[in-house]
Amino acid sequence: MAYKAILIGATGLIGSNLLSILLNSSHYDEVVILVRRDSGLQHSKLRQHIVNFDDENSYAAFINGHVVFSCLGTTKKHTPEKKQYYKIDHDYPLQMAQLSKKNGVNQFHVVSSIGANKDSSIFYTKTKGELEDDLKALRLQSLHIYQPSMLIGERKGNRAIENLYGAIFKISDPLLIGKLKKYRSVKGAKVAQAMYIKSLEHATGTFTYTSDQINNI
């Protein structure tokens, strides 16, 4: 049986890797991506819809299929205004999850972050924590939350600080053992692969995966 996937955040580090996996998978025969501008991508399985994420009516009808993957996110550099940042990292994914439940999509997979906590004093981890709690409150049939630590991999553009951290993690990762393993870096491609693998298992319930678990998957 072949499946249909809906993917948001298809042009980012994790999303672009996941899109490639889905398009080359024999398990998926249709992949829908919702984007703000033309991605320029073409494939026989690919259906691209340019939408306004502030207007739910512009994409609600496209949220139907086997699974929704949310890889949407931003950075302080690209979105310095906190209100807009919160929209992208919290509101949009939550809207997708609400539509998934309404439209009968069985699975919802979302990229969060290590340290996600609604009570955090750090805006980024607080936002992710609030998103996780709000998603859990929806009581989705199958919710998968991925909490990577430092993400490594080829990106569009140059993030000097992340490149520096990437070099540091190559040294520090082997030192993070036991309960500290979850703080090890993880390749964006591995997060994407884990999301794909878990989407084929048809498990019901709420699941959370940290970096060490993602690497093992």
N, C-alpha and C. Protein backbone atom coordinates (compact mmCIF):
# COMPACT_ATOMS: atom_id res chain seq x y z
N MET A 1 0.84 -1.20 0.00
CA MET A 1 0.00 0.00 0.00
C MET A 1 0.87 1.24 0.00
N ALA A 2 0.58 2.18 -0.89
CA ALA A 2 1.35 3.41 -0.98
C ALA A 2 0.61 4.52 -0.23
N TYR A 3 1.37 5.47 0.29
CA TYR A 3 0.82 6.50 1.14
C TYR A 3 1.01 7.90 0.56
N LYS A 4 0.28 8.84 1.17
CA LYS A 4 0.40 10.25 0.82
C LYS A 4 0.94 11.01 2.02
N ALA A 5 1.95 11.83 1.81
CA ALA A 5 2.55 12.62 2.87
C ALA A 5 2.36 14.10 2.58
N ILE A 6 2.15 14.86 3.65
CA ILE A 6 2.12 16.31 3.55
C ILE A 6 3.30 16.83 4.35
N LEU A 7 4.10 17.70 3.75
CA LEU A 7 5.32 18.18 4.37
C LEU A 7 5.36 19.70 4.38
N ILE A 8 5.60 20.28 5.55
CA ILE A 8 5.85 21.71 5.63
C ILE A 8 7.27 21.91 6.14
N GLY A 9 7.93 22.94 5.61
CA GLY A 9 9.34 23.15 5.93
C GLY A 9 10.24 22.31 5.03
N ALA A 10 9.83 22.16 3.79
CA ALA A 10 10.52 21.26 2.86
C ALA A 10 11.85 21.79 2.36
N THR A 11 12.15 23.07 2.60
CA THR A 11 13.40 23.64 2.06
C THR A 11 14.49 23.77 3.12
N GLY A 12 14.19 23.43 4.36
CA GLY A 12 15.19 23.52 5.43
C GLY A 12 16.09 22.30 5.46
N LEU A 13 16.98 22.26 6.44
CA LEU A 13 17.95 21.17 6.54
C LEU A 13 17.28 19.81 6.68
N ILE A 14 16.39 19.67 7.64
CA ILE A 14 15.71 18.39 7.85
C ILE A 14 14.67 18.16 6.77
N GLY A 15 13.87 19.19 6.48
CA GLY A 15 12.81 19.04 5.49
C GLY A 15 13.29 18.65 4.10
N SER A 16 14.39 19.24 3.66
CA SER A 16 14.90 18.92 2.32
C SER A 16 15.40 17.48 2.26
N ASN A 17 16.02 17.01 3.34
CA ASN A 17 16.44 15.61 3.39
C ASN A 17 15.24 14.67 3.42
N LEU A 18 14.24 15.02 4.19
CA LEU A 18 13.04 14.19 4.27
C LEU A 18 12.31 14.15 2.93
N LEU A 19 12.23 15.28 2.26
CA LEU A 19 11.57 15.31 0.95
C LEU A 19 12.26 14.37 -0.02
N SER A 20 13.58 14.37 -0.04
CA SER A 20 14.32 13.48 -0.91
C SER A 20 14.02 12.02 -0.60
N ILE A 21 13.96 11.69 0.68
CA ILE A 21 13.67 10.32 1.10
C ILE A 21 12.28 9.90 0.64
N LEU A 22 11.31 10.76 0.85
CA LEU A 22 9.93 10.45 0.50
C LEU A 22 9.74 10.27 -1.00
N LEU A 23 10.39 11.14 -1.76
CA LEU A 23 10.24 11.06 -3.22
C LEU A 23 10.89 9.81 -3.80
N ASN A 24 11.87 9.29 -3.09
CA ASN A 24 12.56 8.09 -3.56
C ASN A 24 12.06 6.81 -2.88
N SER A 25 11.02 6.95 -2.08
CA SER A 25 10.49 5.80 -1.36
C SER A 25 9.39 5.10 -2.14
N SER A 26 9.41 3.80 -2.11
CA SER A 26 8.35 3.02 -2.76
C SER A 26 7.09 2.99 -1.90
N HIS A 27 7.20 3.43 -0.64
CA HIS A 27 6.05 3.41 0.27
C HIS A 27 5.16 4.63 0.11
N TYR A 28 5.67 5.69 -0.50
CA TYR A 28 4.90 6.90 -0.70
C TYR A 28 4.75 7.17 -2.20
N ASP A 29 3.52 7.34 -2.64
CA ASP A 29 3.30 7.61 -4.07
C ASP A 29 2.88 9.06 -4.34
N GLU A 30 2.67 9.83 -3.27
CA GLU A 30 2.34 11.25 -3.43
C GLU A 30 2.91 12.03 -2.25
N VAL A 31 3.58 13.14 -2.56
CA VAL A 31 4.15 14.00 -1.53
C VAL A 31 3.71 15.43 -1.81
N VAL A 32 2.98 15.99 -0.87
CA VAL A 32 2.49 17.35 -0.98
C VAL A 32 3.35 18.27 -0.12
N ILE A 33 3.87 19.33 -0.70
CA ILE A 33 4.61 20.31 0.09
C ILE A 33 3.87 21.64 0.06
N LEU A 34 3.78 22.27 1.22
CA LEU A 34 3.16 23.59 1.34
C LEU A 34 4.28 24.59 1.55
N VAL A 35 4.37 25.55 0.64
CA VAL A 35 5.49 26.50 0.66
C VAL A 35 4.98 27.93 0.51
N ARG A 36 5.81 28.88 0.91
CA ARG A 36 5.43 30.29 0.80
C ARG A 36 5.81 30.87 -0.55
N ARG A 37 6.76 30.20 -1.22
CA ARG A 37 7.16 30.64 -2.56
C ARG A 37 7.57 29.40 -3.36
N ASP A 38 7.61 29.56 -4.66
CA ASP A 38 7.94 28.44 -5.54
C ASP A 38 9.30 27.84 -5.18
N SER A 39 9.33 26.55 -4.91
CA SER A 39 10.57 25.88 -4.55
C SER A 39 11.44 25.57 -5.77
N GLY A 40 10.81 25.53 -6.95
CA GLY A 40 11.53 25.19 -8.16
C GLY A 40 11.76 23.69 -8.31
N LEU A 41 11.21 22.89 -7.39
CA LEU A 41 11.41 21.44 -7.41
C LEU A 41 10.38 20.78 -8.31
N GLN A 42 10.81 19.73 -8.98
CA GLN A 42 9.90 18.98 -9.85
C GLN A 42 10.14 17.48 -9.67
N HIS A 43 9.06 16.73 -9.60
CA HIS A 43 9.13 15.27 -9.49
C HIS A 43 7.74 14.73 -9.77
N SER A 44 7.67 13.53 -10.33
CA SER A 44 6.37 12.96 -10.68
C SER A 44 5.46 12.75 -9.46
N LYS A 45 6.06 12.53 -8.29
CA LYS A 45 5.28 12.31 -7.08
C LYS A 45 4.94 13.62 -6.36
N LEU A 46 5.59 14.69 -6.72
CA LEU A 46 5.52 15.93 -5.95
C LEU A 46 4.35 16.81 -6.36
N ARG A 47 3.61 17.30 -5.34
CA ARG A 47 2.55 18.28 -5.55
C ARG A 47 2.89 19.49 -4.68
N GLN A 48 3.15 20.61 -5.31
CA GLN A 48 3.52 21.82 -4.57
C GLN A 48 2.36 22.79 -4.54
N HIS A 49 2.10 23.35 -3.36
CA HIS A 49 1.06 24.36 -3.21
C HIS A 49 1.65 25.58 -2.52
N ILE A 50 1.57 26.72 -3.16
CA ILE A 50 2.04 27.97 -2.57
C ILE A 50 0.89 28.54 -1.74
N VAL A 51 1.15 28.70 -0.45
CA VAL A 51 0.07 29.07 0.46
C VAL A 51 0.48 30.25 1.34
N ASN A 52 -0.53 30.82 1.97
CA ASN A 52 -0.34 31.85 2.98
C ASN A 52 -0.64 31.20 4.33
N PHE A 53 0.39 30.96 5.14
CA PHE A 53 0.19 30.25 6.39
C PHE A 53 -0.64 31.05 7.40
N ASP A 54 -0.84 32.33 7.15
CA ASP A 54 -1.70 33.13 8.01
C ASP A 54 -3.17 32.97 7.64
N ASP A 55 -3.43 32.34 6.49
CA ASP A 55 -4.79 32.12 6.02
C ASP A 55 -5.05 30.63 5.93
N GLU A 56 -5.65 30.10 6.96
CA GLU A 56 -5.90 28.65 7.03
C GLU A 56 -6.68 28.14 5.82
N ASN A 57 -7.56 28.96 5.30
CA ASN A 57 -8.38 28.54 4.16
C ASN A 57 -7.56 28.31 2.90
N SER A 58 -6.33 28.85 2.87
CA SER A 58 -5.52 28.69 1.67
C SER A 58 -4.86 27.31 1.59
N TYR A 59 -4.92 26.55 2.67
CA TYR A 59 -4.27 25.23 2.64
C TYR A 59 -5.04 24.12 3.34
N ALA A 60 -6.14 24.44 4.01
CA ALA A 60 -6.87 23.43 4.79
C ALA A 60 -7.24 22.20 3.96
N ALA A 61 -7.64 22.42 2.71
CA ALA A 61 -8.09 21.31 1.87
C ALA A 61 -6.96 20.36 1.48
N PHE A 62 -5.70 20.82 1.62
CA PHE A 62 -4.56 19.99 1.22
C PHE A 62 -4.10 19.06 2.34
N ILE A 63 -4.63 19.25 3.56
CA ILE A 63 -4.19 18.45 4.70
C ILE A 63 -5.03 17.18 4.76
N ASN A 64 -4.67 16.23 3.94
CA ASN A 64 -5.34 14.93 3.94
C ASN A 64 -4.37 13.89 3.40
N GLY A 65 -4.36 12.73 4.02
CA GLY A 65 -3.43 11.69 3.60
C GLY A 65 -3.06 10.79 4.78
N HIS A 66 -1.90 10.20 4.70
CA HIS A 66 -1.43 9.24 5.71
C HIS A 66 -0.72 9.93 6.86
N VAL A 67 0.07 10.97 6.55
CA VAL A 67 0.92 11.58 7.57
C VAL A 67 1.23 13.03 7.23
N VAL A 68 1.36 13.86 8.27
CA VAL A 68 1.84 15.23 8.12
C VAL A 68 3.18 15.32 8.83
N PHE A 69 4.17 15.85 8.12
CA PHE A 69 5.49 16.09 8.68
C PHE A 69 5.68 17.60 8.81
N SER A 70 6.00 18.07 10.01
CA SER A 70 6.26 19.49 10.22
C SER A 70 7.73 19.70 10.55
N CYS A 71 8.45 20.25 9.60
CA CYS A 71 9.86 20.59 9.78
C CYS A 71 10.05 22.10 9.74
N LEU A 72 8.98 22.80 9.98
CA LEU A 72 9.00 24.26 9.89
C LEU A 72 9.68 24.88 11.10
N GLY A 73 10.50 25.87 10.85
CA GLY A 73 11.18 26.56 11.93
C GLY A 73 11.99 27.72 11.38
N THR A 74 12.41 28.59 12.25
CA THR A 74 13.19 29.74 11.82
C THR A 74 14.34 29.97 12.80
N THR A 75 15.05 31.07 12.62
CA THR A 75 16.15 31.43 13.52
C THR A 75 15.99 32.89 13.91
N LYS A 76 16.65 33.28 14.97
CA LYS A 76 16.60 34.67 15.41
C LYS A 76 17.16 35.60 14.34
N LYS A 77 18.17 35.10 13.61
CA LYS A 77 18.79 35.91 12.56
C LYS A 77 17.79 36.22 11.44
N HIS A 78 17.04 35.21 11.03
CA HIS A 78 16.10 35.40 9.93
C HIS A 78 14.78 36.01 10.39
N THR A 79 14.43 35.79 11.66
CA THR A 79 13.17 36.33 12.17
C THR A 79 13.42 36.93 13.55
N PRO A 80 13.98 38.14 13.60
CA PRO A 80 14.32 38.75 14.90
C PRO A 80 13.11 39.18 15.72
N GLU A 81 11.97 39.42 15.06
CA GLU A 81 10.78 39.87 15.76
C GLU A 81 10.10 38.67 16.42
N LYS A 82 9.96 38.70 17.73
CA LYS A 82 9.50 37.54 18.49
C LYS A 82 8.09 37.09 18.12
N LYS A 83 7.21 38.02 17.83
CA LYS A 83 5.84 37.66 17.48
C LYS A 83 5.80 36.81 16.21
N GLN A 84 6.58 37.20 15.20
CA GLN A 84 6.61 36.44 13.96
C GLN A 84 7.32 35.11 14.17
N TYR A 85 8.37 35.13 14.97
CA TYR A 85 9.11 33.90 15.30
C TYR A 85 8.16 32.89 15.93
N TYR A 86 7.34 33.35 16.86
CA TYR A 86 6.41 32.47 17.57
C TYR A 86 5.39 31.88 16.59
N LYS A 87 4.96 32.70 15.66
CA LYS A 87 4.02 32.21 14.64
C LYS A 87 4.59 31.03 13.88
N ILE A 88 5.83 31.17 13.44
CA ILE A 88 6.46 30.15 12.61
C ILE A 88 6.77 28.88 13.39
N ASP A 89 7.27 29.05 14.62
CA ASP A 89 7.70 27.89 15.39
C ASP A 89 6.60 27.26 16.23
N HIS A 90 5.54 28.00 16.49
CA HIS A 90 4.45 27.47 17.32
C HIS A 90 3.11 27.44 16.58
N ASP A 91 2.65 28.60 16.13
CA ASP A 91 1.29 28.69 15.60
C ASP A 91 1.06 27.87 14.34
N TYR A 92 1.97 27.98 13.39
CA TYR A 92 1.77 27.27 12.12
C TYR A 92 1.76 25.75 12.30
N PRO A 93 2.75 25.18 13.01
CA PRO A 93 2.70 23.73 13.22
C PRO A 93 1.44 23.28 13.98
N LEU A 94 1.03 24.07 14.97
CA LEU A 94 -0.17 23.72 15.73
C LEU A 94 -1.41 23.75 14.84
N GLN A 95 -1.49 24.75 13.96
CA GLN A 95 -2.62 24.82 13.02
C GLN A 95 -2.65 23.58 12.13
N MET A 96 -1.47 23.14 11.68
CA MET A 96 -1.38 21.95 10.84
C MET A 96 -1.87 20.71 11.59
N ALA A 97 -1.50 20.62 12.86
CA ALA A 97 -1.92 19.49 13.67
C ALA A 97 -3.43 19.50 13.89
N GLN A 98 -3.98 20.67 14.14
CA GLN A 98 -5.42 20.79 14.32
C GLN A 98 -6.17 20.36 13.06
N LEU A 99 -5.67 20.77 11.91
CA LEU A 99 -6.29 20.38 10.64
C LEU A 99 -6.10 18.89 10.38
N SER A 100 -4.95 18.36 10.79
CA SER A 100 -4.70 16.93 10.62
C SER A 100 -5.77 16.12 11.36
N LYS A 101 -6.03 16.51 12.58
CA LYS A 101 -7.05 15.80 13.37
C LYS A 101 -8.43 15.97 12.75
N LYS A 102 -8.74 17.19 12.36
CA LYS A 102 -10.05 17.48 11.77
C LYS A 102 -10.27 16.70 10.48
N ASN A 103 -9.20 16.57 9.68
CA ASN A 103 -9.33 15.93 8.37
C ASN A 103 -9.02 14.44 8.38
N GLY A 104 -8.78 13.89 9.55
CA GLY A 104 -8.60 12.44 9.66
C GLY A 104 -7.24 11.92 9.27
N VAL A 105 -6.19 12.76 9.35
CA VAL A 105 -4.83 12.30 9.10
C VAL A 105 -4.35 11.59 10.38
N ASN A 106 -3.89 10.37 10.25
CA ASN A 106 -3.58 9.56 11.43
C ASN A 106 -2.31 9.97 12.17
N GLN A 107 -1.30 10.41 11.43
CA GLN A 107 0.00 10.68 12.04
C GLN A 107 0.42 12.14 11.89
N PHE A 108 1.07 12.65 12.96
CA PHE A 108 1.67 13.98 12.90
C PHE A 108 3.07 13.88 13.49
N HIS A 109 4.07 14.28 12.69
CA HIS A 109 5.47 14.25 13.11
C HIS A 109 5.99 15.68 13.11
N VAL A 110 6.66 16.07 14.20
CA VAL A 110 7.10 17.46 14.32
C VAL A 110 8.52 17.54 14.87
N VAL A 111 9.29 18.46 14.33
CA VAL A 111 10.65 18.71 14.84
C VAL A 111 10.57 19.76 15.92
N SER A 112 10.99 19.41 17.12
CA SER A 112 11.04 20.33 18.25
C SER A 112 12.51 20.57 18.58
N SER A 113 12.88 20.52 19.84
CA SER A 113 14.27 20.76 20.23
C SER A 113 14.55 20.16 21.59
N ILE A 114 15.79 19.77 21.79
CA ILE A 114 16.21 19.34 23.12
C ILE A 114 16.00 20.50 24.09
N GLY A 115 15.55 20.18 25.28
CA GLY A 115 15.34 21.23 26.28
C GLY A 115 14.01 21.95 26.17
N ALA A 116 13.15 21.49 25.26
CA ALA A 116 11.84 22.14 25.11
C ALA A 116 11.09 22.11 26.44
N ASN A 117 10.64 23.28 26.89
CA ASN A 117 9.99 23.38 28.19
C ASN A 117 9.23 24.70 28.26
N LYS A 118 7.93 24.61 28.48
CA LYS A 118 7.10 25.82 28.51
C LYS A 118 7.49 26.78 29.64
N ASP A 119 8.21 26.27 30.64
CA ASP A 119 8.62 27.11 31.76
C ASP A 119 10.05 27.65 31.61
N SER A 120 10.66 27.38 30.46
CA SER A 120 12.03 27.82 30.23
C SER A 120 12.11 29.35 30.17
N SER A 121 13.23 29.88 30.62
CA SER A 121 13.46 31.33 30.54
C SER A 121 14.03 31.72 29.18
N ILE A 122 14.35 30.72 28.36
CA ILE A 122 14.89 30.95 27.01
C ILE A 122 13.74 30.93 26.02
N PHE A 123 13.60 31.97 25.24
CA PHE A 123 12.45 32.10 24.34
C PHE A 123 12.33 30.90 23.39
N TYR A 124 13.43 30.45 22.84
CA TYR A 124 13.41 29.36 21.86
C TYR A 124 12.87 28.07 22.48
N THR A 125 13.46 27.63 23.59
CA THR A 125 13.02 26.38 24.21
C THR A 125 11.64 26.51 24.85
N LYS A 126 11.30 27.71 25.30
CA LYS A 126 9.96 27.96 25.84
C LYS A 126 8.91 27.80 24.74
N THR A 127 9.20 28.36 23.55
CA THR A 127 8.28 28.26 22.42
C THR A 127 8.08 26.80 22.02
N LYS A 128 9.18 26.06 21.93
CA LYS A 128 9.08 24.64 21.57
C LYS A 128 8.31 23.86 22.64
N GLY A 129 8.54 24.20 23.91
CA GLY A 129 7.83 23.52 24.98
C GLY A 129 6.33 23.77 24.94
N GLU A 130 5.95 25.00 24.64
CA GLU A 130 4.53 25.33 24.53
C GLU A 130 3.90 24.60 23.34
N LEU A 131 4.65 24.50 22.25
CA LEU A 131 4.15 23.76 21.09
C LEU A 131 3.92 22.30 21.46
N GLU A 132 4.90 21.67 22.10
CA GLU A 132 4.75 20.26 22.47
C GLU A 132 3.52 20.06 23.36
N ASP A 133 3.35 20.90 24.35
CA ASP A 133 2.21 20.76 25.26
C ASP A 133 0.89 20.95 24.53
N ASP A 134 0.84 21.92 23.63
CA ASP A 134 -0.40 22.18 22.89
C ASP A 134 -0.71 21.04 21.92
N LEU A 135 0.31 20.44 21.35
CA LEU A 135 0.10 19.28 20.47
C LEU A 135 -0.42 18.08 21.26
N LYS A 136 0.16 17.85 22.41
CA LYS A 136 -0.27 16.73 23.25
C LYS A 136 -1.73 16.90 23.69
N ALA A 137 -2.12 18.15 23.93
CA ALA A 137 -3.49 18.43 24.37
C ALA A 137 -4.52 18.09 23.29
N LEU A 138 -4.09 18.01 22.04
CA LEU A 138 -5.00 17.67 20.95
C LEU A 138 -5.39 16.19 20.96
N ARG A 139 -4.59 15.38 21.67
CA ARG A 139 -4.83 13.93 21.74
C ARG A 139 -4.91 13.32 20.34
N LEU A 140 -3.87 13.56 19.57
CA LEU A 140 -3.79 13.00 18.22
C LEU A 140 -3.62 11.49 18.29
N GLN A 141 -4.07 10.82 17.26
CA GLN A 141 -3.96 9.36 17.24
C GLN A 141 -2.51 8.91 17.30
N SER A 142 -1.64 9.62 16.57
CA SER A 142 -0.22 9.25 16.53
C SER A 142 0.62 10.52 16.42
N LEU A 143 1.27 10.89 17.52
CA LEU A 143 2.08 12.11 17.57
C LEU A 143 3.53 11.73 17.85
N HIS A 144 4.42 12.18 16.97
CA HIS A 144 5.85 11.89 17.10
C HIS A 144 6.61 13.21 17.20
N ILE A 145 7.33 13.40 18.31
CA ILE A 145 8.06 14.63 18.57
C ILE A 145 9.55 14.33 18.56
N TYR A 146 10.30 15.05 17.74
CA TYR A 146 11.74 14.84 17.61
C TYR A 146 12.46 16.01 18.26
N GLN A 147 13.35 15.69 19.20
CA GLN A 147 14.06 16.72 19.97
C GLN A 147 15.57 16.65 19.71
N PRO A 148 16.00 17.07 18.53
CA PRO A 148 17.44 17.04 18.27
C PRO A 148 18.18 18.09 19.08
N SER A 149 19.43 17.81 19.37
CA SER A 149 20.32 18.79 19.99
C SER A 149 20.91 19.60 18.83
N MET A 150 22.20 19.81 18.82
CA MET A 150 22.84 20.56 17.75
C MET A 150 22.69 19.83 16.42
N LEU A 151 22.11 20.51 15.43
CA LEU A 151 21.94 19.92 14.10
C LEU A 151 23.16 20.21 13.24
N ILE A 152 23.65 19.18 12.57
CA ILE A 152 24.77 19.36 11.66
C ILE A 152 24.38 18.87 10.27
N GLY A 153 24.99 19.48 9.27
CA GLY A 153 24.69 19.12 7.89
C GLY A 153 24.81 20.34 7.00
N GLU A 154 24.76 20.11 5.71
CA GLU A 154 24.88 21.21 4.75
C GLU A 154 23.61 22.04 4.73
N ARG A 155 23.76 23.34 4.84
CA ARG A 155 22.63 24.26 4.84
C ARG A 155 22.79 25.29 3.72
N LYS A 156 21.68 25.92 3.40
CA LYS A 156 21.74 27.05 2.48
C LYS A 156 22.23 28.25 3.28
N GLY A 157 23.23 28.92 2.79
CA GLY A 157 23.78 30.05 3.51
C GLY A 157 24.84 29.57 4.49
N ASN A 158 25.42 30.50 5.22
CA ASN A 158 26.51 30.17 6.14
C ASN A 158 26.17 30.66 7.53
N ARG A 159 26.05 29.73 8.45
CA ARG A 159 25.78 30.09 9.84
C ARG A 159 27.08 29.87 10.61
N ALA A 160 27.83 30.94 10.76
CA ALA A 160 29.17 30.83 11.34
C ALA A 160 29.17 30.21 12.73
N ILE A 161 28.21 30.63 13.56
CA ILE A 161 28.18 30.11 14.93
C ILE A 161 27.87 28.61 14.93
N GLU A 162 26.93 28.20 14.10
CA GLU A 162 26.59 26.77 14.05
C GLU A 162 27.75 25.96 13.49
N ASN A 163 28.48 26.52 12.55
CA ASN A 163 29.66 25.83 12.03
C ASN A 163 30.70 25.64 13.12
N LEU A 164 30.84 26.66 13.96
CA LEU A 164 31.77 26.58 15.08
C LEU A 164 31.33 25.50 16.06
N TYR A 165 30.04 25.51 16.39
CA TYR A 165 29.52 24.49 17.29
C TYR A 165 29.68 23.09 16.70
N GLY A 166 29.54 22.99 15.37
CA GLY A 166 29.71 21.69 14.71
C GLY A 166 31.10 21.13 14.94
N ALA A 167 32.09 22.01 14.87
CA ALA A 167 33.47 21.58 15.11
C ALA A 167 33.67 21.18 16.57
N ILE A 168 33.04 21.93 17.46
CA ILE A 168 33.16 21.63 18.89
C ILE A 168 32.52 20.29 19.22
N PHE A 169 31.34 20.03 18.63
CA PHE A 169 30.63 18.79 18.93
C PHE A 169 31.38 17.55 18.45
N LYS A 170 32.18 17.69 17.42
CA LYS A 170 32.97 16.55 16.96
C LYS A 170 33.93 16.08 18.05
N ILE A 171 34.35 17.03 18.86
CA ILE A 171 35.25 16.71 19.97
C ILE A 171 34.47 16.29 21.21
N SER A 172 33.37 17.01 21.47
CA SER A 172 32.64 16.80 22.72
C SER A 172 31.67 15.62 22.70
N ASP A 173 31.15 15.26 21.52
CA ASP A 173 30.16 14.18 21.45
C ASP A 173 30.61 12.89 22.15
N PRO A 174 31.86 12.41 21.92
CA PRO A 174 32.28 11.17 22.58
C PRO A 174 32.33 11.27 24.10
N LEU A 175 32.38 12.50 24.60
CA LEU A 175 32.45 12.71 26.06
C LEU A 175 31.07 12.70 26.70
N LEU A 176 30.03 12.83 25.87
CA LEU A 176 28.66 12.86 26.38
C LEU A 176 28.13 11.43 26.45
N ILE A 177 28.18 10.86 27.64
CA ILE A 177 27.78 9.47 27.82
C ILE A 177 26.66 9.38 28.85
N GLY A 178 26.05 8.20 28.94
CA GLY A 178 24.96 8.01 29.90
C GLY A 178 23.79 8.93 29.60
N LYS A 179 23.31 9.62 30.64
CA LYS A 179 22.17 10.51 30.48
C LYS A 179 22.48 11.73 29.62
N LEU A 180 23.78 11.98 29.39
CA LEU A 180 24.18 13.14 28.59
C LEU A 180 24.16 12.86 27.08
N LYS A 181 23.92 11.61 26.70
CA LYS A 181 23.91 11.25 25.28
C LYS A 181 22.89 12.06 24.47
N LYS A 182 21.82 12.44 25.12
CA LYS A 182 20.77 13.16 24.39
C LYS A 182 21.23 14.54 23.93
N TYR A 183 22.37 15.01 24.46
CA TYR A 183 22.89 16.31 24.06
C TYR A 183 23.90 16.21 22.91
N ARG A 184 24.14 15.00 22.43
CA ARG A 184 25.06 14.85 21.29
C ARG A 184 24.45 15.47 20.04
N SER A 185 25.31 15.92 19.15
CA SER A 185 24.82 16.48 17.89
C SER A 185 24.22 15.37 17.03
N VAL A 186 23.43 15.77 16.06
CA VAL A 186 22.80 14.79 15.17
C VAL A 186 22.69 15.41 13.78
N LYS A 187 22.92 14.61 12.78
CA LYS A 187 22.81 15.09 11.41
C LYS A 187 21.35 15.31 11.04
N GLY A 188 21.11 16.40 10.31
CA GLY A 188 19.75 16.66 9.84
C GLY A 188 19.21 15.50 9.03
N ALA A 189 20.08 14.86 8.27
CA ALA A 189 19.67 13.72 7.44
C ALA A 189 19.20 12.56 8.30
N LYS A 190 19.80 12.40 9.49
CA LYS A 190 19.40 11.31 10.38
C LYS A 190 18.04 11.59 11.02
N VAL A 191 17.78 12.85 11.32
CA VAL A 191 16.46 13.20 11.84
C VAL A 191 15.40 12.89 10.79
N ALA A 192 15.68 13.26 9.55
CA ALA A 192 14.76 12.99 8.45
C ALA A 192 14.53 11.50 8.27
N GLN A 193 15.60 10.72 8.34
CA GLN A 193 15.49 9.27 8.19
C GLN A 193 14.66 8.68 9.32
N ALA A 194 14.85 9.17 10.53
CA ALA A 194 14.08 8.67 11.67
C ALA A 194 12.60 8.98 11.49
N MET A 195 12.28 10.17 11.01
CA MET A 195 10.89 10.55 10.79
C MET A 195 10.24 9.63 9.75
N TYR A 196 10.99 9.35 8.73
CA TYR A 196 10.47 8.46 7.68
C TYR A 196 10.23 7.05 8.22
N ILE A 197 11.20 6.50 8.93
CA ILE A 197 11.09 5.14 9.46
C ILE A 197 9.91 5.03 10.41
N LYS A 198 9.77 6.00 11.31
CA LYS A 198 8.69 5.94 12.28
C LYS A 198 7.31 6.09 11.62
N SER A 199 7.26 6.78 10.49
CA SER A 199 5.98 6.94 9.81
C SER A 199 5.47 5.64 9.21
N LEU A 200 6.36 4.67 9.06
CA LEU A 200 5.97 3.38 8.47
C LEU A 200 5.59 2.34 9.52
N GLU A 201 5.73 2.69 10.79
CA GLU A 201 5.48 1.72 11.85
C GLU A 201 4.03 1.69 12.35
N HIS A 202 3.26 2.72 12.01
CA HIS A 202 1.83 2.76 12.35
C HIS A 202 1.56 2.67 13.84
N ALA A 203 2.46 3.16 14.66
CA ALA A 203 2.27 3.14 16.11
C ALA A 203 1.29 4.22 16.53
N THR A 204 0.48 3.94 17.54
CA THR A 204 -0.45 4.92 18.07
C THR A 204 0.01 5.38 19.44
N GLY A 205 -0.26 6.66 19.75
CA GLY A 205 0.17 7.22 21.01
C GLY A 205 1.05 8.44 20.77
N THR A 206 1.71 8.90 21.83
CA THR A 206 2.61 10.05 21.76
C THR A 206 4.02 9.59 22.05
N PHE A 207 4.96 9.95 21.17
CA PHE A 207 6.34 9.48 21.27
C PHE A 207 7.29 10.67 21.16
N THR A 208 8.34 10.66 21.97
CA THR A 208 9.35 11.71 21.94
C THR A 208 10.72 11.08 21.76
N TYR A 209 11.52 11.63 20.85
CA TYR A 209 12.84 11.08 20.54
C TYR A 209 13.90 12.16 20.70
N THR A 210 14.90 11.89 21.54
CA THR A 210 16.03 12.81 21.69
C THR A 210 17.14 12.42 20.73
N SER A 211 18.21 13.20 20.67
CA SER A 211 19.26 13.00 19.67
C SER A 211 19.84 11.59 19.69
N ASP A 212 20.09 11.04 20.89
CA ASP A 212 20.67 9.71 20.96
C ASP A 212 19.71 8.66 20.40
N GLN A 213 18.42 8.82 20.67
CA GLN A 213 17.42 7.89 20.14
C GLN A 213 17.28 8.04 18.63
N ILE A 214 17.35 9.29 18.16
CA ILE A 214 17.29 9.54 16.72
C ILE A 214 18.46 8.88 16.01
N ASN A 215 19.64 9.01 16.57
CA ASN A 215 20.82 8.37 15.99
C ASN A 215 20.67 6.86 15.94
N ASN A 216 20.05 6.28 16.97
CA ASN A 216 19.86 4.83 17.01
C ASN A 216 18.83 4.36 15.98
N ILE A 217 17.79 5.18 15.78
CA ILE A 217 16.78 4.83 14.78
C ILE A 217 17.41 4.74 13.40
